[in-house]
Protein backbone atom coordinates (compact mmCIF):
# COMPACT_ATOMS: atom_id res chain seq x y z
CA MET A 1 0.00 0.00 0.00
CA SER A 2 1.52 3.32 -1.04
CA GLY A 3 1.45 6.33 1.26
CA ALA A 4 -1.07 8.18 -0.88
CA GLN A 5 -3.46 5.22 -0.67
CA HIS A 6 -3.19 4.64 3.07
CA PRO A 7 -6.66 5.09 4.63
CA ALA A 8 -5.29 6.98 7.63
CA ALA A 9 -2.81 9.13 5.69
CA ILE A 10 -2.74 12.82 6.54
CA ASP A 11 -1.64 15.18 3.79
CA VAL A 12 0.96 17.70 4.89
CA GLY A 13 2.37 19.87 2.13
CA GLY A 14 1.50 17.25 -0.46
CA LEU A 15 3.23 14.40 1.42
CA PRO A 16 1.42 11.58 3.32
CA TYR A 17 1.98 11.27 7.07
CA LEU A 18 0.71 8.90 9.76
CA ARG A 19 0.12 9.81 13.38
CA ASP A 20 2.14 7.66 15.79
CA ALA A 21 1.09 6.39 19.25
CA LYS A 22 2.22 9.66 20.87
CA GLY A 23 0.25 11.80 18.42
CA ALA A 24 3.23 12.98 16.39
CA LEU A 25 3.05 13.08 12.58
CA VAL A 26 5.57 10.80 10.86
CA PRO A 27 6.21 10.77 7.08
CA ILE A 28 5.04 7.47 5.65
CA ALA A 29 8.27 7.30 3.65
CA ALA A 30 10.14 7.17 6.98
CA ILE A 31 8.09 4.31 8.44
CA LYS A 32 9.56 0.79 8.23
CA PRO A 33 7.83 -1.42 5.61
CA ALA A 34 7.23 -4.09 8.27
CA ASP A 35 5.38 -1.55 10.45
CA LEU A 36 3.28 -0.44 7.48
CA LEU A 37 2.38 -4.06 6.67
CA MET A 38 1.34 -4.68 10.28
CA ASP A 39 -0.69 -1.47 10.29
CA GLU A 40 -2.47 -2.57 7.10
CA LEU A 41 -3.16 -6.07 8.52
CA VAL A 42 -4.61 -4.76 11.80
CA ARG A 43 -6.79 -2.17 10.09
CA GLY A 44 -8.14 -4.80 7.70
CA LEU A 45 -8.88 -7.33 10.44
CA LEU A 46 -10.53 -4.71 12.66
CA GLY A 47 -12.65 -3.60 9.72
CA ASP A 48 -13.85 -7.18 9.18
CA ALA A 49 -14.45 -7.65 12.93
CA GLY A 50 -16.48 -4.46 13.09
CA GLY A 51 -18.64 -5.64 10.21
CA LEU A 52 -19.24 -9.01 11.86
CA SER A 53 -20.09 -7.31 15.17
CA GLU A 54 -22.71 -5.18 13.45
CA MET A 55 -24.15 -8.27 11.76
CA LEU A 56 -24.41 -10.12 15.09
CA THR A 57 -26.06 -7.12 16.72
CA ALA A 58 -28.60 -6.93 13.91
CA PHE A 59 -29.16 -10.70 14.05
CA LYS A 60 -29.74 -10.64 17.82
CA ARG A 61 -32.28 -7.83 17.42
CA GLU A 62 -34.04 -9.78 14.66
CA VAL A 63 -34.16 -12.92 16.85
CA PHE A 64 -35.84 -11.04 19.69
CA GLU A 65 -38.30 -9.42 17.29
CA GLN A 66 -39.24 -12.75 15.68
CA VAL A 67 -39.58 -14.54 19.03
CA SER A 68 -41.77 -11.73 20.38
CA ALA A 69 -43.89 -11.84 17.23
CA HIS A 70 -44.27 -15.62 17.62
CA GLN A 71 -45.39 -15.23 21.23
CA ALA A 72 -47.94 -12.61 20.20
CA LEU A 73 -49.24 -14.85 17.38
CA ILE A 74 -49.70 -17.83 19.72
CA ALA A 75 -51.50 -15.62 22.23
CA GLN A 76 -53.79 -14.16 19.56
CA GLU A 77 -54.55 -17.33 17.60
CA PHE A 78 -54.75 -19.86 20.41
CA GLY A 79 -55.20 -17.82 23.59
CA ALA A 80 -52.09 -19.42 25.05
CA LYS A 81 -49.00 -17.92 26.59
CA ILE A 82 -45.55 -19.34 25.98
CA GLY A 83 -42.52 -18.38 28.01
CA GLY A 84 -41.94 -17.83 31.69
CA SER A 85 -42.93 -14.87 33.79
CA LYS A 86 -39.43 -13.38 33.60
CA GLY A 87 -39.30 -13.60 29.82
CA ASN A 88 -37.46 -16.92 29.53
CA ILE A 89 -38.62 -19.02 26.61
CA THR A 90 -37.47 -22.20 24.83
CA LEU A 91 -38.59 -22.90 21.26
CA THR A 92 -37.94 -26.41 19.89
CA THR A 93 -38.39 -28.01 16.50
CA PHE A 94 -41.00 -30.76 16.16
CA ASP A 95 -38.32 -33.48 15.94
CA GLY A 96 -36.63 -32.20 19.11
CA THR A 97 -33.20 -31.71 17.52
CA LYS A 98 -32.98 -27.91 17.40
CA ARG A 99 -33.93 -25.22 19.86
CA VAL A 100 -33.62 -21.53 20.61
CA LEU A 101 -33.40 -20.34 24.20
CA VAL A 102 -34.07 -16.76 25.25
CA GLN A 103 -33.03 -16.17 28.84
CA VAL A 104 -33.38 -13.05 30.97
CA ALA A 105 -30.81 -12.79 33.77
CA ASP A 106 -31.10 -10.32 36.61
CA GLN A 107 -28.12 -8.02 37.14
CA ILE A 108 -27.44 -7.94 40.86
CA GLU A 109 -25.29 -5.73 43.05
CA PHE A 110 -24.55 -6.18 46.76
CA GLY A 111 -25.20 -3.51 49.38
CA PRO A 112 -23.30 -2.80 52.64
CA GLU A 113 -25.13 -5.62 54.43
CA ILE A 114 -22.74 -8.08 52.82
CA GLN A 115 -19.85 -6.72 54.89
CA ALA A 116 -21.81 -7.51 58.04
CA ALA A 117 -22.32 -11.00 56.65
CA LYS A 118 -18.58 -11.39 56.11
CA THR A 119 -17.87 -10.42 59.73
CA LEU A 120 -20.26 -13.10 61.00
CA ILE A 121 -18.85 -15.69 58.58
CA ASP A 122 -15.28 -14.91 59.67
CA GLU A 123 -16.32 -15.42 63.32
CA CYS A 124 -17.74 -18.83 62.48
CA LEU A 125 -14.73 -19.92 60.44
CA SER A 126 -12.29 -18.81 63.15
CA GLU A 127 -14.18 -20.84 65.74
CA TRP A 128 -14.43 -23.88 63.47
CA ALA A 129 -10.79 -23.77 62.35
CA ALA A 130 -9.80 -26.59 64.66
CA THR A 131 -12.42 -28.91 63.21
CA GLY A 132 -11.54 -28.40 59.56
CA GLY A 133 -13.82 -26.66 57.08
CA VAL A 134 -11.05 -26.10 54.51
CA GLU A 135 -13.43 -26.38 51.55
CA LEU A 136 -15.89 -23.96 53.16
CA ARG A 137 -13.15 -21.41 53.84
CA ALA A 138 -11.98 -21.68 50.21
CA LEU A 139 -15.54 -21.02 49.05
CA VAL A 140 -15.84 -17.99 51.34
CA ASN A 141 -12.53 -16.64 50.05
CA ARG A 142 -13.76 -16.96 46.47
CA VAL A 143 -17.01 -15.17 47.32
CA PHE A 144 -15.30 -12.15 48.82
CA GLN A 145 -12.39 -11.98 46.37
CA VAL A 146 -13.60 -9.01 44.30
CA ASP A 147 -12.51 -8.44 40.71
CA GLN A 148 -10.91 -5.30 39.27
CA GLN A 149 -14.32 -3.60 39.12
CA GLY A 150 -14.96 -4.39 42.78
CA THR A 151 -17.63 -6.94 41.86
CA ILE A 152 -18.28 -9.90 44.16
CA ASN A 153 -18.55 -13.28 42.43
CA ARG A 154 -22.31 -13.75 42.13
CA ALA A 155 -22.19 -17.45 41.22
CA GLU A 156 -20.08 -18.24 44.29
CA VAL A 157 -22.51 -16.26 46.47
CA PHE A 158 -25.38 -18.51 45.41
CA MET A 159 -23.24 -21.58 46.16
CA LEU A 160 -22.57 -20.18 49.64
CA LEU A 161 -26.28 -19.60 50.25
CA ARG A 162 -26.93 -23.30 49.59
CA VAL A 163 -24.63 -24.37 52.43
CA GLN A 164 -26.85 -25.59 55.28
CA ILE A 165 -25.38 -24.85 58.74
CA GLU A 166 -27.46 -24.65 61.92
CA ASP A 167 -25.30 -22.05 63.70
CA LEU A 168 -27.44 -18.92 64.31
CA ARG A 169 -24.57 -16.62 63.33
CA TRP A 170 -24.22 -18.42 60.01
CA GLN A 171 -27.95 -18.15 59.36
CA ARG A 172 -27.89 -14.43 60.22
CA ALA A 173 -24.98 -14.03 57.79
CA MET A 174 -26.96 -15.73 55.03
CA ASP A 175 -29.95 -13.47 55.78
CA ALA A 176 -27.65 -10.44 55.56
CA ILE A 177 -26.39 -11.61 52.16
CA ARG A 178 -29.95 -12.00 50.89
CA GLU A 179 -30.86 -8.54 52.17
CA SER A 180 -27.78 -7.08 50.48
CA MET A 181 -28.85 -8.31 47.02
CA ARG A 182 -30.40 -5.63 44.82
CA VAL A 183 -31.64 -6.15 41.26
CA ILE A 184 -30.39 -3.17 39.25
CA GLY A 185 -31.48 -4.37 35.82
CA SER A 186 -31.57 -7.37 33.54
CA LYS A 187 -29.79 -8.65 30.46
CA THR A 188 -31.29 -10.87 27.78
CA TYR A 189 -29.31 -13.72 26.23
CA VAL A 190 -30.14 -15.89 23.24
CA ARG A 191 -28.65 -19.34 22.69
CA PHE A 192 -28.93 -21.80 19.83
CA GLN A 193 -28.54 -25.54 20.34
CA ARG A 194 -28.86 -28.69 18.25
CA ARG A 195 -28.40 -32.44 18.55
CA ASP A 196 -28.36 -35.45 16.26
CA ALA A 197 -31.37 -37.19 17.80
CA GLY A 198 -34.11 -36.56 20.33
CA ASP A 199 -32.22 -38.41 23.07
CA ALA A 200 -28.74 -37.05 22.29
CA PRO A 201 -27.00 -34.32 24.32
CA TRP A 202 -27.43 -30.72 23.19
CA ARG A 203 -24.56 -28.89 21.45
CA SER A 204 -24.38 -25.11 21.36
CA VAL A 205 -24.01 -23.25 18.08
CA THR A 206 -20.96 -21.05 18.68
CA LEU A 207 -21.37 -17.37 17.92
CA ASP A 208 -18.48 -15.90 19.93
CA MET A 209 -14.78 -15.83 19.02
CA ALA A 210 -13.60 -17.18 22.37
CA SER A 211 -15.52 -20.46 21.95
CA ALA A 212 -15.20 -20.91 18.18
């Protein structure tokens, strides 16, 4: 690709320049060919990725529109409602080998009550240290090990809530965790699955780069 044809070229006095990572203008003629080739490759791949992202966004919107239209049609024609109260719905082909799942997941944050729960849990674990409980302590550590955004691991919290212990402090801690949970919104997911026969395990149709 010549300098004049470069999509990001900036004309300065009739000569093509590129802006470097620090914002300075560098003559294209002074840039190493290997760097120009890498620049061209990355710009091309990002352009393709952007196009695919837009297609997936449009496809997801179309899926939701068609599923909603199907639900409305069933309700109008047959007086029946399909889908759960939270918006979850599973649509399956007649032969049972293909299905579409629309799932609505609550987005949850944890209030200050969860710190009170941690204090009670730590008291219990300290007292039970002599009798073991290594697996339980590991679970508690995972629950309260926040990520870079300060978010507590929600999946581990639900695992902790399923632990049945009679100690009143433990039960108060679990109540505090439940009281700390606040639904701040929801996110809708769509999944596509298929299988070779009606009694075979389901396989997901991959639509994300990480799982492809």
